[in-house]
Protein backbone atom coordinates (compact mmCIF):
# COMPACT_ATOMS: atom_id res chain seq x y z
CA UNK A 1 14.28 -6.26 17.50
CA UNK A 2 13.09 -7.27 13.95
CA UNK A 3 11.21 -4.69 11.48
CA UNK A 4 8.89 -5.29 9.00
CA UNK A 5 9.33 -5.48 5.19
CA UNK A 6 7.78 -2.29 3.97
CA UNK A 7 6.74 -3.31 -0.07
CA UNK A 8 4.27 0.28 -0.34
CA UNK A 9 5.23 3.09 0.38
CA UNK A 10 3.17 6.44 0.72
CA UNK A 11 2.70 7.75 -2.54
CA UNK A 12 3.19 4.76 -4.47
CA UNK A 13 1.36 4.16 -7.45
CA UNK A 14 -0.33 0.76 -8.07
CA UNK A 15 -2.32 -1.52 -10.37
CA UNK A 16 -4.04 -5.28 -9.35
CA UNK A 17 -3.09 -7.93 -11.05
CA UNK A 18 -6.11 -9.77 -11.38
CA UNK A 19 -8.77 -6.59 -11.09
CA UNK A 20 -8.44 -4.42 -13.77
CA UNK A 21 -11.79 -3.53 -13.05
CA UNK A 22 -10.55 -1.40 -9.91
CA UNK A 23 -8.57 0.10 -12.43
CA UNK A 24 -5.28 2.30 -10.70
CA UNK A 25 -4.66 3.18 -7.23
CA UNK A 26 -2.32 5.38 -5.33
CA UNK A 27 -1.57 4.73 -1.67
CA UNK A 28 -2.94 7.08 0.50
CA UNK A 29 -2.42 5.42 3.91
CA UNK A 30 0.46 3.50 5.73
CA UNK A 31 -0.40 2.30 9.29
CA UNK A 32 2.98 0.43 10.79
CA UNK A 33 2.51 -1.08 14.57
CA UNK A 34 5.69 0.18 16.94
CA UNK A 35 5.37 -3.35 17.95
CA UNK A 36 7.30 -6.87 16.58
CA UNK A 37 5.36 -8.81 14.69
CA UNK A 38 2.84 -6.15 14.38
CA UNK A 39 0.47 -5.61 11.74
CA UNK A 40 1.46 -3.11 8.51
CA UNK A 41 -1.51 -2.31 6.40
CA UNK A 42 -1.71 -0.40 3.40
CA UNK A 43 -4.54 1.88 2.11
CA UNK A 44 -4.88 2.46 -1.84
CA UNK A 45 -7.38 4.35 -3.54
CA UNK A 46 -8.60 3.05 -6.17
CA UNK A 47 -9.96 4.70 -9.65
CA UNK A 48 -12.99 2.87 -9.15
CA UNK A 49 -13.40 5.25 -5.96
CA UNK A 50 -13.36 2.48 -3.36
CA UNK A 51 -10.40 2.28 -0.71
CA UNK A 52 -8.86 -1.04 0.02
CA UNK A 53 -6.69 -2.11 2.91
CA UNK A 54 -4.01 -4.56 2.47
CA UNK A 55 -0.80 -6.70 4.30
CA UNK A 56 2.21 -4.45 3.69
CA UNK A 57 4.96 -6.79 4.94
CA UNK A 58 6.88 -8.38 2.68
CA UNK A 59 7.76 -11.25 4.70
CA UNK A 60 3.94 -12.27 5.69
CA UNK A 61 2.48 -14.93 3.48
CA UNK A 62 -0.33 -12.37 3.03
CA UNK A 63 1.83 -9.84 1.48
CA UNK A 64 -0.40 -7.37 -0.61
CA UNK A 65 2.36 -8.10 -3.12
CA UNK A 66 1.68 -11.84 -3.46
CA UNK A 67 -1.98 -11.17 -3.45
CA UNK A 68 -1.40 -9.26 -6.88
CA UNK A 69 -1.18 -5.66 -6.20
CA UNK A 70 1.91 -4.23 -8.21
CA UNK A 71 3.67 -0.99 -8.70
CA UNK A 72 2.74 0.91 -11.75
CA UNK A 73 5.96 1.46 -13.56
CA UNK A 74 4.79 3.77 -16.10
CA UNK A 75 2.45 6.08 -13.55
CA UNK A 76 5.85 5.71 -11.33
CA UNK A 77 7.83 7.32 -13.96
CA UNK A 78 8.94 11.04 -14.19
CA UNK A 79 7.01 12.93 -16.08
CA UNK A 80 3.98 10.77 -16.16
CA UNK A 81 2.18 13.94 -14.73
CA UNK A 82 -0.08 11.03 -12.59
CA UNK A 83 -0.34 11.95 -8.86
CA UNK A 84 -2.37 10.56 -5.91
CA UNK A 85 -5.72 12.74 -5.62
CA UNK A 86 -5.46 12.62 -1.77
CA UNK A 87 -2.19 11.92 0.16
CA UNK A 88 -2.31 11.10 4.29
CA UNK A 89 0.02 11.22 6.81
CA UNK A 90 1.90 7.45 7.77
CA UNK A 91 0.19 6.46 11.05
CA UNK A 92 1.99 3.93 13.74
CA UNK A 93 0.11 2.40 16.17
CA UNK A 94 1.03 0.66 19.29
CA UNK A 95 -1.45 -2.41 20.13
CA UNK A 96 -1.67 -3.65 23.69
CA UNK A 97 -2.75 -7.04 25.25
């Protein structure tokens, strides 16, 4: 049973390389399927107030990393004082045929 390689984790600070107008963001929800080959999603709340959902599997060609979502190395450093405003629990679901 192979597991997905997750790129982002709950609380990670990110930005979109091509969408400067969105501002920075924070991962507020991670959803991972328990089925092999199932979908792995991540929800990011951006500074513009919009939550956006992305694929979070590094082995998938549509992973948010390849679509321009990058970890913010400055916001992630100790003492930066920037924290996600909303943190939700990780959620797993089972998809039946």
